[in-house]
Amino acid sequence: MPTDKPEKTPVDKVKDIISQLKQMEHYSRSNIEKLTEHYLFFDDELKHKEFVTRWGDLINAQNAFEDQVKALIDDCQNYCNKKESES
């Protein structure tokens, strides 16, 4: 007996993408926490300013990535809400 699943709608596919983006957001937060630990080690224990600057730059880039992922999640959710209310 075949168990063919119905084909996903575009909205269902966007919801799957939102789920993946949320997972990326979670890992991004974990990355920021780990980067901050390393930053503090280089700043507090090693007093190595060149590395501190580079760690800071990397933390800022990761923060910017996370902000963009959050904005994309919001936009995708708004798209789904709009499409679902239209049908």
N, C-alpha and C. Protein backbone atom coordinates (compact mmCIF):
# COMPACT_ATOMS: atom_id res chain seq x y z
N MET A 1 0.85 -1.17 0.00
CA MET A 1 0.00 0.00 0.00
C MET A 1 0.90 1.24 0.00
N PRO A 2 0.84 2.02 -1.05
CA PRO A 2 1.69 3.22 -1.10
C PRO A 2 1.22 4.26 -0.09
N THR A 3 2.20 4.92 0.48
CA THR A 3 1.89 5.99 1.46
C THR A 3 2.40 7.31 0.90
N ASP A 4 1.82 7.70 -0.21
CA ASP A 4 2.23 8.96 -0.83
C ASP A 4 1.78 10.13 0.04
N LYS A 5 2.73 10.95 0.35
CA LYS A 5 2.41 12.16 1.11
C LYS A 5 1.96 13.22 0.12
N PRO A 6 0.98 14.01 0.52
CA PRO A 6 0.58 15.10 -0.38
C PRO A 6 1.75 16.08 -0.54
N GLU A 7 1.83 16.63 -1.72
CA GLU A 7 2.91 17.58 -2.00
C GLU A 7 2.74 18.82 -1.13
N LYS A 8 3.84 19.30 -0.63
CA LYS A 8 3.78 20.49 0.23
C LYS A 8 3.44 21.72 -0.59
N THR A 9 2.68 22.58 0.04
CA THR A 9 2.36 23.86 -0.58
C THR A 9 3.55 24.80 -0.42
N PRO A 10 3.58 25.88 -1.18
CA PRO A 10 4.65 26.86 -0.99
C PRO A 10 4.72 27.38 0.45
N VAL A 11 3.58 27.57 1.08
CA VAL A 11 3.56 28.05 2.47
C VAL A 11 4.18 27.01 3.39
N ASP A 12 3.87 25.73 3.16
CA ASP A 12 4.47 24.67 3.96
C ASP A 12 5.99 24.65 3.80
N LYS A 13 6.44 24.87 2.58
CA LYS A 13 7.88 24.90 2.33
C LYS A 13 8.53 26.08 3.05
N VAL A 14 7.86 27.23 3.04
CA VAL A 14 8.39 28.40 3.75
C VAL A 14 8.44 28.12 5.24
N LYS A 15 7.43 27.42 5.76
CA LYS A 15 7.44 27.07 7.19
C LYS A 15 8.62 26.16 7.53
N ASP A 16 8.95 25.25 6.62
CA ASP A 16 10.12 24.40 6.82
C ASP A 16 11.40 25.24 6.85
N ILE A 17 11.45 26.22 5.98
CA ILE A 17 12.62 27.11 5.93
C ILE A 17 12.70 27.91 7.22
N ILE A 18 11.57 28.38 7.72
CA ILE A 18 11.55 29.12 8.98
C ILE A 18 12.13 28.26 10.10
N SER A 19 11.75 27.01 10.13
CA SER A 19 12.26 26.09 11.14
C SER A 19 13.79 25.97 11.04
N GLN A 20 14.29 25.87 9.84
CA GLN A 20 15.74 25.79 9.64
C GLN A 20 16.43 27.09 10.06
N LEU A 21 15.80 28.22 9.75
CA LEU A 21 16.37 29.51 10.14
C LEU A 21 16.40 29.67 11.66
N LYS A 22 15.37 29.17 12.32
CA LYS A 22 15.34 29.24 13.79
C LYS A 22 16.46 28.40 14.39
N GLN A 23 16.74 27.28 13.76
CA GLN A 23 17.86 26.45 14.22
C GLN A 23 19.18 27.19 14.01
N MET A 24 19.32 27.87 12.89
CA MET A 24 20.53 28.65 12.63
C MET A 24 20.66 29.78 13.66
N GLU A 25 19.54 30.39 14.00
CA GLU A 25 19.55 31.45 15.01
C GLU A 25 20.05 30.91 16.35
N HIS A 26 19.56 29.73 16.72
CA HIS A 26 19.98 29.10 17.98
C HIS A 26 21.51 28.88 17.98
N TYR A 27 22.01 28.31 16.90
CA TYR A 27 23.46 28.06 16.82
C TYR A 27 24.24 29.37 16.80
N SER A 28 23.67 30.38 16.21
CA SER A 28 24.33 31.68 16.19
C SER A 28 24.52 32.22 17.60
N ARG A 29 23.47 32.08 18.42
CA ARG A 29 23.58 32.52 19.83
C ARG A 29 24.65 31.73 20.56
N SER A 30 24.71 30.43 20.31
CA SER A 30 25.74 29.59 20.93
C SER A 30 27.13 30.03 20.48
N ASN A 31 27.25 30.36 19.20
CA ASN A 31 28.54 30.85 18.69
C ASN A 31 28.95 32.14 19.38
N ILE A 32 28.00 33.04 19.56
CA ILE A 32 28.30 34.32 20.22
C ILE A 32 28.78 34.08 21.64
N GLU A 33 28.13 33.16 22.35
CA GLU A 33 28.54 32.87 23.72
C GLU A 33 29.96 32.30 23.76
N LYS A 34 30.27 31.39 22.86
CA LYS A 34 31.61 30.79 22.82
C LYS A 34 32.65 31.83 22.41
N LEU A 35 32.32 32.65 21.43
CA LEU A 35 33.25 33.72 21.01
C LEU A 35 33.52 34.69 22.16
N THR A 36 32.49 34.98 22.93
CA THR A 36 32.66 35.89 24.07
C THR A 36 33.58 35.28 25.11
N GLU A 37 33.47 33.98 25.34
CA GLU A 37 34.38 33.31 26.27
C GLU A 37 35.83 33.47 25.81
N HIS A 38 36.05 33.24 24.53
CA HIS A 38 37.41 33.37 23.99
C HIS A 38 37.90 34.82 24.07
N TYR A 39 37.00 35.72 23.76
CA TYR A 39 37.33 37.15 23.84
C TYR A 39 37.81 37.50 25.25
N LEU A 40 37.06 37.05 26.25
CA LEU A 40 37.42 37.36 27.64
C LEU A 40 38.76 36.74 28.03
N PHE A 41 39.04 35.55 27.54
CA PHE A 41 40.32 34.92 27.82
C PHE A 41 41.46 35.76 27.27
N PHE A 42 41.34 36.18 26.01
CA PHE A 42 42.41 36.98 25.41
C PHE A 42 42.51 38.36 26.04
N ASP A 43 41.40 38.91 26.49
CA ASP A 43 41.42 40.24 27.09
C ASP A 43 41.89 40.18 28.54
N ASP A 44 41.27 39.32 29.35
CA ASP A 44 41.55 39.30 30.78
C ASP A 44 42.85 38.58 31.13
N GLU A 45 43.08 37.42 30.54
CA GLU A 45 44.23 36.61 30.94
C GLU A 45 45.48 36.90 30.13
N LEU A 46 45.34 37.03 28.83
CA LEU A 46 46.52 37.24 27.99
C LEU A 46 46.85 38.71 27.77
N LYS A 47 45.87 39.56 27.95
CA LYS A 47 46.05 41.00 27.70
C LYS A 47 46.60 41.26 26.29
N HIS A 48 46.10 40.51 25.34
CA HIS A 48 46.58 40.59 23.96
C HIS A 48 45.59 41.41 23.14
N LYS A 49 45.86 42.69 23.02
CA LYS A 49 44.90 43.63 22.42
C LYS A 49 44.62 43.36 20.94
N GLU A 50 45.63 42.91 20.20
CA GLU A 50 45.40 42.64 18.78
C GLU A 50 44.36 41.53 18.61
N PHE A 51 44.50 40.46 19.38
CA PHE A 51 43.52 39.38 19.30
C PHE A 51 42.17 39.82 19.84
N VAL A 52 42.17 40.64 20.88
CA VAL A 52 40.91 41.13 21.44
C VAL A 52 40.12 41.87 20.37
N THR A 53 40.80 42.70 19.61
CA THR A 53 40.15 43.46 18.53
C THR A 53 39.56 42.50 17.49
N ARG A 54 40.33 41.50 17.12
CA ARG A 54 39.85 40.55 16.11
C ARG A 54 38.68 39.72 16.64
N TRP A 55 38.75 39.30 17.91
CA TRP A 55 37.62 38.57 18.50
C TRP A 55 36.38 39.46 18.53
N GLY A 56 36.58 40.73 18.88
CA GLY A 56 35.46 41.68 18.91
C GLY A 56 34.82 41.84 17.55
N ASP A 57 35.66 41.92 16.51
CA ASP A 57 35.15 42.02 15.15
C ASP A 57 34.32 40.79 14.77
N LEU A 58 34.81 39.64 15.18
CA LEU A 58 34.11 38.40 14.87
C LEU A 58 32.77 38.32 15.61
N ILE A 59 32.75 38.75 16.86
CA ILE A 59 31.50 38.78 17.63
C ILE A 59 30.50 39.72 16.97
N ASN A 60 30.98 40.88 16.53
CA ASN A 60 30.10 41.84 15.86
C ASN A 60 29.52 41.26 14.57
N ALA A 61 30.36 40.56 13.82
CA ALA A 61 29.88 39.94 12.57
C ALA A 61 28.83 38.87 12.88
N GLN A 62 29.06 38.08 13.92
CA GLN A 62 28.10 37.04 14.29
C GLN A 62 26.79 37.67 14.77
N ASN A 63 26.89 38.77 15.52
CA ASN A 63 25.68 39.49 15.95
C ASN A 63 24.90 40.01 14.75
N ALA A 64 25.61 40.54 13.76
CA ALA A 64 24.95 41.05 12.56
C ALA A 64 24.26 39.92 11.81
N PHE A 65 24.92 38.77 11.73
CA PHE A 65 24.32 37.60 11.10
C PHE A 65 23.04 37.20 11.82
N GLU A 66 23.11 37.14 13.14
CA GLU A 66 21.93 36.75 13.92
C GLU A 66 20.78 37.74 13.72
N ASP A 67 21.09 39.03 13.69
CA ASP A 67 20.06 40.04 13.45
C ASP A 67 19.40 39.85 12.09
N GLN A 68 20.20 39.54 11.08
CA GLN A 68 19.64 39.34 9.74
C GLN A 68 18.79 38.07 9.68
N VAL A 69 19.22 37.03 10.37
CA VAL A 69 18.42 35.79 10.40
C VAL A 69 17.08 36.06 11.08
N LYS A 70 17.11 36.79 12.21
CA LYS A 70 15.86 37.11 12.91
C LYS A 70 14.92 37.91 12.01
N ALA A 71 15.45 38.88 11.30
CA ALA A 71 14.63 39.69 10.40
C ALA A 71 14.04 38.84 9.29
N LEU A 72 14.83 37.91 8.77
CA LEU A 72 14.33 37.03 7.71
C LEU A 72 13.25 36.09 8.23
N ILE A 73 13.42 35.61 9.46
CA ILE A 73 12.37 34.77 10.08
C ILE A 73 11.07 35.55 10.17
N ASP A 74 11.16 36.79 10.67
CA ASP A 74 9.96 37.63 10.78
C ASP A 74 9.30 37.84 9.42
N ASP A 75 10.11 38.15 8.41
CA ASP A 75 9.56 38.38 7.06
C ASP A 75 8.88 37.13 6.52
N CYS A 76 9.51 35.98 6.73
CA CYS A 76 8.92 34.72 6.25
C CYS A 76 7.63 34.39 6.99
N GLN A 77 7.62 34.65 8.30
CA GLN A 77 6.40 34.40 9.06
C GLN A 77 5.28 35.34 8.60
N ASN A 78 5.60 36.58 8.35
CA ASN A 78 4.60 37.52 7.83
C ASN A 78 4.06 37.06 6.48
N TYR A 79 4.94 36.54 5.63
CA TYR A 79 4.53 36.02 4.33
C TYR A 79 3.52 34.87 4.52
N CYS A 80 3.85 33.94 5.42
CA CYS A 80 2.96 32.80 5.67
C CYS A 80 1.61 33.27 6.20
N ASN A 81 1.65 34.19 7.16
CA ASN A 81 0.40 34.71 7.72
C ASN A 81 -0.46 35.36 6.65
N LYS A 82 0.17 36.13 5.79
CA LYS A 82 -0.57 36.79 4.72
C LYS A 82 -1.19 35.79 3.76
N LYS A 83 -0.41 34.80 3.34
CA LYS A 83 -0.90 33.80 2.40
C LYS A 83 -2.01 32.94 3.03
N GLU A 84 -1.87 32.63 4.30
CA GLU A 84 -2.89 31.81 4.96
C GLU A 84 -4.19 32.60 5.16
N SER A 85 -4.08 33.88 5.39
CA SER A 85 -5.29 34.68 5.56
C SER A 85 -6.00 34.91 4.22
N GLU A 86 -5.25 34.83 3.14
CA GLU A 86 -5.84 35.00 1.80
C GLU A 86 -6.63 33.77 1.37
N SER A 87 -6.30 32.63 1.94
CA SER A 87 -6.97 31.40 1.48
C SER A 87 -8.13 31.01 2.36
